[in-house]
C-alpha atoms as a PDB file:
ATOM      1  CA  MET A   1      57.695  99.101  59.409  1.00  0.00           C
ATOM      2  CA  ASN A   2      57.141 100.178  63.003  1.00  0.00           C
ATOM      3  CA  VAL A   3      56.955 103.773  64.273  1.00  0.00           C
ATOM      4  CA  ASN A   4      60.641 103.911  65.237  1.00  0.00           C
ATOM      5  CA  ASP A   5      61.645 102.585  61.815  1.00  0.00           C
ATOM      6  CA  GLU A   6      59.470 105.231  60.160  1.00  0.00           C
ATOM      7  CA  LYS A   7      61.055 107.978  62.303  1.00  0.00           C
ATOM      8  CA  ASP A   8      64.539 106.617  61.552  1.00  0.00           C
ATOM      9  CA  ARG A   9      63.815 106.513  57.801  1.00  0.00           C
ATOM     10  CA  ALA A  10      62.410 110.068  57.891  1.00  0.00           C
ATOM     11  CA  SER A  11      65.480 111.266  59.763  1.00  0.00           C
ATOM     12  CA  LEU A  12      67.774 109.495  57.293  1.00  0.00           C
ATOM     13  CA  ARG A  13      65.897 110.997  54.327  1.00  0.00           C
ATOM     14  CA  ALA A  14      66.158 114.490  55.856  1.00  0.00           C
ATOM     15  CA  LYS A  15      69.905 114.082  56.410  1.00  0.00           C
ATOM     16  CA  ILE A  16      70.473 112.833  52.852  1.00  0.00           C
ATOM     17  CA  ASN A  17      68.308 115.611  51.406  1.00  0.00           C
ATOM     18  CA  LEU A  18      70.407 118.256  53.181  1.00  0.00           C
ATOM     19  CA  GLU A  19      73.590 116.692  51.783  1.00  0.00           C
ATOM     20  CA  THR A  20      72.291 116.374  48.210  1.00  0.00           C
ATOM     21  CA  SER A  21      74.027 118.725  45.804  1.00  0.00           C
ATOM     22  CA  ARG A  22      74.829 119.327  42.172  1.00  0.00           C
ATOM     23  CA  MET A  23      78.267 118.430  40.869  1.00  0.00           C
ATOM     24  CA  THR A  24      79.729 118.529  37.405  1.00  0.00           C
ATOM     25  CA  TRP A  25      80.535 115.222  35.766  1.00  0.00           C
ATOM     26  CA  LYS A  26      84.182 116.394  35.518  1.00  0.00           C
ATOM     27  CA  GLU A  27      84.291 116.526  39.333  1.00  0.00           C
ATOM     28  CA  LEU A  28      82.935 112.961  39.469  1.00  0.00           C
ATOM     29  CA  LEU A  29      85.230 111.353  36.873  1.00  0.00           C
ATOM     30  CA  ARG A  30      87.694 109.921  39.395  1.00  0.00           C
ATOM     31  CA  PHE A  31      84.829 108.217  41.231  1.00  0.00           C
ATOM     32  CA  PHE A  32      83.499 106.861  37.929  1.00  0.00           C
ATOM     33  CA  ALA A  33      86.976 105.473  37.189  1.00  0.00           C
ATOM     34  CA  ALA A  34      86.963 103.809  40.626  1.00  0.00           C
ATOM     35  CA  GLY A  35      83.560 102.216  39.966  1.00  0.00           C
ATOM     36  CA  SER A  36      81.870 104.127  42.791  1.00  0.00           C
ATOM     37  CA  ILE A  37      79.071 105.807  40.823  1.00  0.00           C
ATOM     38  CA  ILE A  38      75.493 104.558  40.659  1.00  0.00           C
ATOM     39  CA  VAL A  39      73.135 106.266  38.234  1.00  0.00           C
ATOM     40  CA  VAL A  40      69.523 106.730  39.325  1.00  0.00           C
ATOM     41  CA  SER A  41      66.745 107.093  36.759  1.00  0.00           C
ATOM     42  CA  ASP A  42      65.137 110.507  36.435  1.00  0.00           C
ATOM     43  CA  ALA A  43      61.810 108.828  37.256  1.00  0.00           C
ATOM     44  CA  ALA A  44      63.010 107.791  40.740  1.00  0.00           C
ATOM     45  CA  ASP A  45      63.347 109.848  43.918  1.00  0.00           C
ATOM     46  CA  LEU A  46      67.113 110.243  44.445  1.00  0.00           C
ATOM     47  CA  VAL A  47      66.754 110.766  48.193  1.00  0.00           C
ATOM     48  CA  GLU A  48      64.520 107.699  48.609  1.00  0.00           C
ATOM     49  CA  VAL A  49      66.935 105.515  46.624  1.00  0.00           C
ATOM     50  CA  ALA A  50      69.862 106.806  48.703  1.00  0.00           C
ATOM     51  CA  ALA A  51      67.942 106.178  51.942  1.00  0.00           C
ATOM     52  CA  CYS A  52      67.145 102.593  50.900  1.00  0.00           C
ATOM     53  CA  ILE A  53      70.794 101.932  50.029  1.00  0.00           C
ATOM     54  CA  ALA A  54      71.960 103.490  53.300  1.00  0.00           C
ATOM     55  CA  ASP A  55      69.370 101.419  55.185  1.00  0.00           C
ATOM     56  CA  ASP A  56      70.550  98.232  53.410  1.00  0.00           C
ATOM     57  CA  ASP A  57      67.104  97.659  51.880  1.00  0.00           C
ATOM     58  CA  LYS A  58      68.259  94.849  49.577  1.00  0.00           C
ATOM     59  CA  GLU A  59      64.736  94.043  48.353  1.00  0.00           C
ATOM     60  CA  SER A  60      64.207  97.545  46.919  1.00  0.00           C
ATOM     61  CA  VAL A  61      67.737  97.760  45.503  1.00  0.00           C
ATOM     62  CA  VAL A  62      67.478  94.394  43.709  1.00  0.00           C
ATOM     63  CA  LYS A  63      64.049  95.364  42.325  1.00  0.00           C
ATOM     64  CA  TRP A  64      65.360  98.722  41.062  1.00  0.00           C
ATOM     65  CA  MET A  65      68.384  97.084  39.471  1.00  0.00           C
ATOM     66  CA  ALA A  66      66.160  94.559  37.679  1.00  0.00           C
ATOM     67  CA  GLU A  67      63.879  97.364  36.454  1.00  0.00           C
ATOM     68  CA  GLY A  68      66.808  99.525  35.295  1.00  0.00           C
ATOM     69  CA  VAL A  69      66.004 102.260  37.817  1.00  0.00           C
ATOM     70  CA  ILE A  70      69.559 102.143  39.188  1.00  0.00           C
ATOM     71  CA  GLY A  71      72.774 100.807  37.724  1.00  0.00           C
ATOM     72  CA  LYS A  72      76.317 101.486  36.624  1.00  0.00           C
ATOM     73  CA  VAL A  73      77.077 104.442  34.380  1.00  0.00           C
ATOM     74  CA  SER A  74      77.893 103.274  30.852  1.00  0.00           C
ATOM     75  CA  ASP A  75      81.004 104.540  29.094  1.00  0.00           C
ATOM     76  CA  ALA A  76      78.751 106.127  26.455  1.00  0.00           C
ATOM     77  CA  GLN A  77      76.756 107.989  29.125  1.00  0.00           C
ATOM     78  CA  ALA A  78      79.953 109.129  30.847  1.00  0.00           C
ATOM     79  CA  GLU A  79      81.290 110.466  27.547  1.00  0.00           C
ATOM     80  CA  ALA A  80      78.011 112.257  26.794  1.00  0.00           C
ATOM     81  CA  TRP A  81      77.999 113.924  30.214  1.00  0.00           C
ATOM     82  CA  LEU A  82      81.623 114.962  29.759  1.00  0.00           C
ATOM     83  CA  LYS A  83      80.942 116.491  26.334  1.00  0.00           C
ATOM     84  CA  ALA A  84      77.847 118.279  27.663  1.00  0.00           C
ATOM     85  CA  ASP A  85      79.699 119.492  30.794  1.00  0.00           C
ATOM     86  CA  ALA A  86      76.704 118.083  32.667  1.00  0.00           C
ATOM     87  CA  ALA A  87      75.854 118.974  36.244  1.00  0.00           C
ATOM     88  CA  LEU A  88      74.182 116.103  38.090  1.00  0.00           C
ATOM     89  CA  TRP A  89      72.320 115.805  41.357  1.00  0.00           C
ATOM     90  CA  THR A  90      74.391 113.733  43.753  1.00  0.00           C
ATOM     91  CA  ALA A  91      73.832 111.930  47.025  1.00  0.00           C
ATOM     92  CA  ILE A  92      76.627 110.173  48.866  1.00  0.00           C
ATOM     93  CA  VAL A  93      76.035 106.841  50.556  1.00  0.00           C
ATOM     94  CA  LYS A  94      79.510 105.533  51.258  1.00  0.00           C
ATOM     95  CA  PRO A  95      81.118 103.888  49.392  1.00  0.00           C
ATOM     96  CA  TRP A  96      78.756 105.000  46.616  1.00  0.00           C
ATOM     97  CA  ILE A  97      77.959 108.291  44.951  1.00  0.00           C
ATOM     98  CA  LEU A  98      74.486 108.288  43.447  1.00  0.00           C
ATOM     99  CA  VAL A  99      73.976 110.583  40.474  1.00  0.00           C
ATOM    100  CA  GLN A 100      70.857 111.678  38.706  1.00  0.00           C
ATOM    101  CA  GLU A 101      70.408 113.757  35.606  1.00  0.00           C
ATOM    102  CA  LYS A 102      67.296 115.569  36.731  1.00  0.00           C
ATOM    103  CA  LYS A 103      65.858 118.551  34.971  1.00  0.00           C
ATOM    104  CA  ASP A 104      65.665 121.521  37.309  1.00  0.00           C
ATOM    105  CA  LYS A 105      62.253 121.554  38.959  1.00  0.00           C
ATOM    106  CA  ALA A 106      60.873 123.768  41.671  1.00  0.00           C
ATOM    107  CA  GLY A 107      60.994 122.049  45.022  1.00  0.00           C
ATOM    108  CA  MET A 108      63.774 119.618  44.131  1.00  0.00           C
ATOM    109  CA  HIS A 109      65.771 120.551  47.175  1.00  0.00           C
END
């Protein structure tokens, strides 16, 4: 990665971080029904995953999919979030909405 790429990635990460927010699963249901939701493991950095998807970093995305770091939301998970009235961290990378069930931690945002 050259210096310009690093600056571009940092700028992209900063933009995504500013746009990251919490939404209730109820607010996201229509996107789940449309197949537009990607769940990101709690162990991963939501902003970094979003930046890689936005930057079309296929190598990282394929690796994460194979490792189960990112994937589709299962019907069982969707139902559990609905019953729990869960609020999830979200990042939008059109046409996708990335969601993460992250425990509140200082410095998340």
